N, C-alpha and C. Protein backbone atom coordinates (compact mmCIF):
# COMPACT_ATOMS: atom_id res chain seq x y z
N UNK A 1 -6.93 -18.04 14.81
CA UNK A 1 -5.32 -18.61 14.98
C UNK A 1 -5.16 -18.60 16.21
N UNK A 2 -4.42 -19.86 16.39
CA UNK A 2 -3.11 -19.56 17.46
C UNK A 2 -2.38 -18.99 17.85
N UNK A 3 -1.78 -19.16 18.93
CA UNK A 3 -0.62 -17.85 19.33
C UNK A 3 0.39 -18.46 18.05
N UNK A 4 0.93 -19.81 18.62
CA UNK A 4 2.47 -20.36 17.62
C UNK A 4 2.09 -19.66 16.01
N UNK A 5 0.84 -20.12 15.38
CA UNK A 5 0.55 -20.41 14.18
C UNK A 5 0.53 -18.71 13.79
N UNK A 6 0.25 -17.89 14.54
CA UNK A 6 0.30 -16.25 14.74
C UNK A 6 1.91 -15.86 14.44
N UNK A 7 2.63 -16.54 15.46
CA UNK A 7 3.94 -16.44 15.09
C UNK A 7 4.72 -16.77 14.48
N UNK A 8 4.29 -17.96 13.54
CA UNK A 8 5.22 -18.68 12.43
C UNK A 8 4.46 -17.85 11.06
N UNK A 9 3.47 -17.13 10.94
CA UNK A 9 2.81 -16.41 9.84
C UNK A 9 3.38 -15.17 9.97
N UNK A 10 3.91 -14.62 11.00
CA UNK A 10 5.04 -13.14 10.93
C UNK A 10 6.10 -13.44 10.70
N UNK A 11 6.54 -14.57 11.10
CA UNK A 11 8.16 -14.95 10.44
C UNK A 11 7.80 -15.41 8.93
N UNK A 12 7.31 -16.03 8.56
CA UNK A 12 6.82 -16.10 7.16
C UNK A 12 6.99 -14.88 6.52
N UNK A 13 6.14 -13.87 6.65
CA UNK A 13 5.80 -12.69 6.26
C UNK A 13 7.16 -11.87 6.09
N UNK A 14 7.68 -11.88 7.45
CA UNK A 14 9.28 -11.00 7.42
C UNK A 14 10.17 -11.79 6.32
N UNK A 15 9.98 -13.15 6.31
CA UNK A 15 11.35 -13.75 5.18
C UNK A 15 11.23 -13.24 3.77
N UNK A 16 9.46 -13.56 3.71
CA UNK A 16 9.39 -12.95 2.39
C UNK A 16 9.49 -11.39 1.82
N UNK A 17 9.32 -10.50 2.83
CA UNK A 17 9.67 -9.04 3.05
C UNK A 17 11.46 -9.14 2.52
N UNK A 18 12.31 -9.49 3.54
CA UNK A 18 13.36 -9.66 3.24
C UNK A 18 13.94 -10.54 2.11
N UNK A 19 13.25 -11.02 1.67
CA UNK A 19 13.38 -11.88 0.58
C UNK A 19 13.19 -11.33 -0.59
N UNK A 20 12.03 -10.52 -1.16
CA UNK A 20 11.76 -9.41 -2.05
C UNK A 20 12.26 -8.32 -2.40
N UNK A 21 11.95 -7.80 -0.92
CA UNK A 21 12.49 -6.42 -0.62
C UNK A 21 12.95 -5.61 0.04
N UNK A 22 13.74 -4.75 0.67
CA UNK A 22 14.25 -3.97 1.69
C UNK A 22 12.89 -3.04 1.71
N UNK A 23 11.66 -2.76 0.54
CA UNK A 23 10.75 -1.71 0.72
C UNK A 23 9.38 -2.40 0.86
N UNK A 24 9.45 -3.23 1.24
CA UNK A 24 8.38 -3.99 1.78
C UNK A 24 8.36 -5.53 0.68
N UNK A 25 6.57 -6.09 0.63
CA UNK A 25 6.39 -7.04 -0.16
C UNK A 25 5.47 -6.42 -1.33
N UNK A 26 5.46 -7.66 -2.03
CA UNK A 26 5.28 -7.45 -3.77
C UNK A 26 3.15 -7.11 -3.35
N UNK A 27 2.92 -6.20 -3.86
CA UNK A 27 1.59 -5.48 -3.74
C UNK A 27 0.90 -5.87 -5.49
N UNK A 28 0.26 -6.71 -5.63
CA UNK A 28 -0.48 -7.08 -7.01
C UNK A 28 -1.43 -5.74 -7.73
N UNK A 29 -1.99 -5.05 -6.59
CA UNK A 29 -2.95 -4.26 -6.63
C UNK A 29 -1.61 -2.88 -7.09
N UNK A 30 -1.06 -2.53 -6.59
CA UNK A 30 0.05 -1.53 -7.00
C UNK A 30 0.90 -1.81 -8.01
N UNK A 31 1.43 -3.18 -8.33
CA UNK A 31 2.13 -3.74 -9.07
C UNK A 31 3.71 -3.54 -8.75
N UNK A 32 3.92 -3.17 -7.43
CA UNK A 32 5.30 -3.13 -6.88
C UNK A 32 5.31 -3.25 -5.51
N UNK A 33 6.51 -3.34 -5.33
CA UNK A 33 6.99 -3.82 -3.59
C UNK A 33 6.57 -2.43 -3.07
N UNK A 34 5.20 -2.29 -1.73
CA UNK A 34 4.95 -1.33 -1.20
C UNK A 34 5.02 -2.22 0.53
N UNK A 35 5.45 -1.09 1.41
CA UNK A 35 5.14 -1.72 3.02
C UNK A 35 3.61 -1.66 3.19
N UNK A 36 3.16 -2.99 4.09
CA UNK A 36 1.58 -2.53 4.21
C UNK A 36 1.86 -2.50 5.75
N UNK A 37 1.06 -1.80 6.29
CA UNK A 37 0.68 -1.33 7.56
C UNK A 37 -0.81 -2.04 7.84
N UNK A 38 -0.69 -2.50 9.70
CA UNK A 38 -2.07 -3.39 10.07
C UNK A 38 -2.97 -2.22 10.18
N UNK A 39 -2.49 -0.93 10.65
CA UNK A 39 -3.79 -0.11 10.90
C UNK A 39 -3.75 1.05 9.96
N UNK A 40 -4.75 1.72 10.08
CA UNK A 40 -4.46 3.21 9.53
C UNK A 40 -3.68 3.91 10.34
N UNK A 41 -3.94 3.85 11.77
CA UNK A 41 -2.87 4.64 12.47
C UNK A 41 -1.77 4.64 12.28
N UNK A 42 -1.03 3.09 12.10
CA UNK A 42 -0.04 3.06 11.97
C UNK A 42 1.05 3.77 10.44
N UNK A 43 -0.05 3.71 9.72
CA UNK A 43 0.12 3.88 8.33
C UNK A 43 0.22 5.34 8.20
N UNK A 44 -0.81 6.44 8.95
CA UNK A 44 -0.75 7.68 9.26
C UNK A 44 0.32 8.31 9.78
N UNK A 45 0.88 7.37 11.14
CA UNK A 45 2.39 8.11 11.46
C UNK A 45 3.40 7.58 10.90
N UNK A 46 3.64 6.49 9.93
CA UNK A 46 4.57 7.00 8.70
C UNK A 46 4.53 8.05 8.18
N UNK A 47 3.22 8.47 7.78
CA UNK A 47 3.36 9.42 6.89
C UNK A 47 4.17 10.91 7.23
N UNK A 48 3.38 10.66 8.32
CA UNK A 48 4.40 11.72 9.46
C UNK A 48 5.49 11.93 9.76
N UNK A 49 6.33 10.81 10.25
CA UNK A 49 7.62 10.58 9.54
C UNK A 49 8.43 10.70 8.77
N UNK A 50 7.67 11.03 7.81
CA UNK A 50 8.56 10.68 6.11
C UNK A 50 8.72 11.76 5.93
N UNK A 51 10.01 12.13 5.47
CA UNK A 51 10.52 13.40 4.95
C UNK A 51 10.47 13.43 3.39
N UNK A 52 9.96 12.37 2.92
CA UNK A 52 9.74 12.53 1.25
C UNK A 52 8.42 13.00 0.89
N UNK A 53 7.79 13.02 -0.39
CA UNK A 53 6.99 13.48 -0.57
C UNK A 53 4.98 12.34 -0.53
N UNK A 54 5.40 11.67 0.63
CA UNK A 54 4.32 10.74 1.20
C UNK A 54 3.26 11.89 1.49
N UNK A 55 1.76 11.72 1.12
CA UNK A 55 0.61 12.95 1.67
C UNK A 55 -0.56 12.12 2.26
N UNK A 56 -0.75 10.48 2.12
CA UNK A 56 -1.58 10.04 2.31
C UNK A 56 -1.79 8.77 2.40
N UNK A 57 -2.61 8.25 3.55
CA UNK A 57 -2.46 6.68 3.55
C UNK A 57 -3.73 6.13 2.66
N UNK A 58 -4.11 4.82 2.15
CA UNK A 58 -5.51 3.91 1.65
C UNK A 58 -5.30 2.93 2.13
N UNK A 59 -6.41 1.75 2.09
CA UNK A 59 -6.26 0.53 2.28
C UNK A 59 -6.18 -0.08 0.99
N UNK A 60 -5.64 -1.18 1.26
CA UNK A 60 -5.33 -2.32 -0.17
C UNK A 60 -6.07 -3.48 -0.11
N UNK A 61 -6.69 -3.83 -0.81
CA UNK A 61 -7.83 -4.92 -0.82
C UNK A 61 -7.12 -6.24 -1.19
N UNK A 62 -5.84 -6.15 -2.01
CA UNK A 62 -5.24 -7.15 -2.34
C UNK A 62 -4.30 -7.54 -1.40
N UNK A 63 -4.14 -6.62 -0.43
CA UNK A 63 -3.08 -6.86 0.64
C UNK A 63 -3.78 -7.09 1.82
N UNK A 64 -4.90 -6.82 2.03
CA UNK A 64 -5.76 -6.21 3.36
C UNK A 64 -4.80 -5.88 4.17
N UNK A 65 -4.46 -4.78 4.09
CA UNK A 65 -4.00 -3.52 4.64
C UNK A 65 -3.31 -2.51 4.41
N UNK A 66 -3.08 -1.32 4.61
CA UNK A 66 -2.99 -0.17 4.60
C UNK A 66 -1.40 0.30 4.14
N UNK A 67 -1.51 1.00 2.63
CA UNK A 67 -0.35 1.51 2.03
C UNK A 67 -0.39 2.93 2.21
N UNK A 68 0.98 3.98 2.10
CA UNK A 68 1.27 5.47 1.64
C UNK A 68 1.53 5.29 0.62
N UNK A 69 0.97 6.50 -0.31
CA UNK A 69 1.19 7.16 -1.30
C UNK A 69 1.42 9.06 -1.35
N UNK A 70 2.20 9.08 -2.28
CA UNK A 70 2.48 10.40 -2.71
C UNK A 70 1.49 11.15 -3.46
N UNK A 71 0.78 10.17 -4.23
CA UNK A 71 -0.52 10.81 -5.51
C UNK A 71 -1.60 11.40 -4.10
N UNK A 72 -2.16 12.11 -5.05
CA UNK A 72 -3.19 12.85 -4.31
C UNK A 72 -3.95 12.32 -4.74
N UNK A 73 -5.83 12.43 -3.70
CA UNK A 73 -6.86 11.44 -3.78
C UNK A 73 -7.63 12.18 -5.02
N UNK A 74 -8.11 11.54 -5.97
CA UNK A 74 -8.31 12.18 -6.70
C UNK A 74 -9.98 11.34 -7.47
N UNK A 75 -10.75 11.79 -8.05
CA UNK A 75 -12.39 11.11 -8.04
C UNK A 75 -11.87 10.20 -9.39
N UNK A 76 -12.96 9.31 -9.50
CA UNK A 76 -13.29 8.09 -10.67
C UNK A 76 -13.53 9.09 -11.57
N UNK A 77 -14.49 10.05 -11.36
CA UNK A 77 -14.61 10.89 -12.74
C UNK A 77 -13.60 11.63 -13.66
N UNK A 78 -12.63 11.87 -12.45
CA UNK A 78 -11.47 12.56 -13.08
C UNK A 78 -11.15 11.83 -14.25
N UNK A 79 -10.61 10.48 -13.98
CA UNK A 79 -10.34 9.40 -14.53
C UNK A 79 -11.46 9.18 -15.94
N UNK A 80 -12.54 9.31 -15.73
CA UNK A 80 -13.43 8.98 -16.58
C UNK A 80 -13.62 10.05 -17.55
N UNK A 81 -13.33 10.98 -17.23
CA UNK A 81 -13.35 12.43 -18.43
C UNK A 81 -12.19 12.29 -19.02
N UNK A 82 -10.68 12.01 -18.61
CA UNK A 82 -9.70 11.87 -19.28
C UNK A 82 -9.54 11.19 -19.93
N UNK A 83 -10.21 9.50 -19.84
CA UNK A 83 -10.55 8.61 -21.00
C UNK A 83 -11.63 9.24 -22.16
N UNK A 84 -12.42 9.80 -21.77
CA UNK A 84 -13.61 10.24 -22.83
C UNK A 84 -12.90 11.40 -23.66
N UNK A 85 -12.21 12.07 -23.07
CA UNK A 85 -11.38 13.07 -23.90
C UNK A 85 -10.31 12.58 -24.60
N UNK A 86 -9.77 11.63 -24.08
CA UNK A 86 -8.84 10.95 -25.00
C UNK A 86 -9.31 10.30 -26.34
N UNK A 87 -10.25 9.95 -26.45
CA UNK A 87 -10.90 9.28 -27.62
C UNK A 87 -11.53 10.17 -28.35
N UNK A 88 -12.07 11.28 -28.03
CA UNK A 88 -13.14 12.04 -28.50
C UNK A 88 -12.20 12.88 -29.48
N UNK A 89 -11.57 13.45 -28.84
CA UNK A 89 -10.68 14.76 -29.65
C UNK A 89 -9.45 14.16 -30.00
C-alpha cells in the first residue's frame, strides 16, 4: 500500500471512529464498540495505564487488531461443561 493510501485509510478510520463512538469502532465479534490496537504491546500498555477493571488483551480476528478486556481468560471446556450442565440438570 502506498503512503498516500495509508494516510487516506487512517483518516477514514479516524472519521469512522469519531462518527460511531468516543470508545472506538464497532466490533462485530464483541458486538459493541471497542478500541482497536495495532499491536499487542500497545494494548498491554493501555492495560497498564487503565485505572478500571481491564486485566488482559486478546487478538480479534474480526478487527484484525488487539482489544482489552476485564474478563478473565477461560477455557473452552468450561463453556462446554456449563452448557451441558444446563441441559442435563
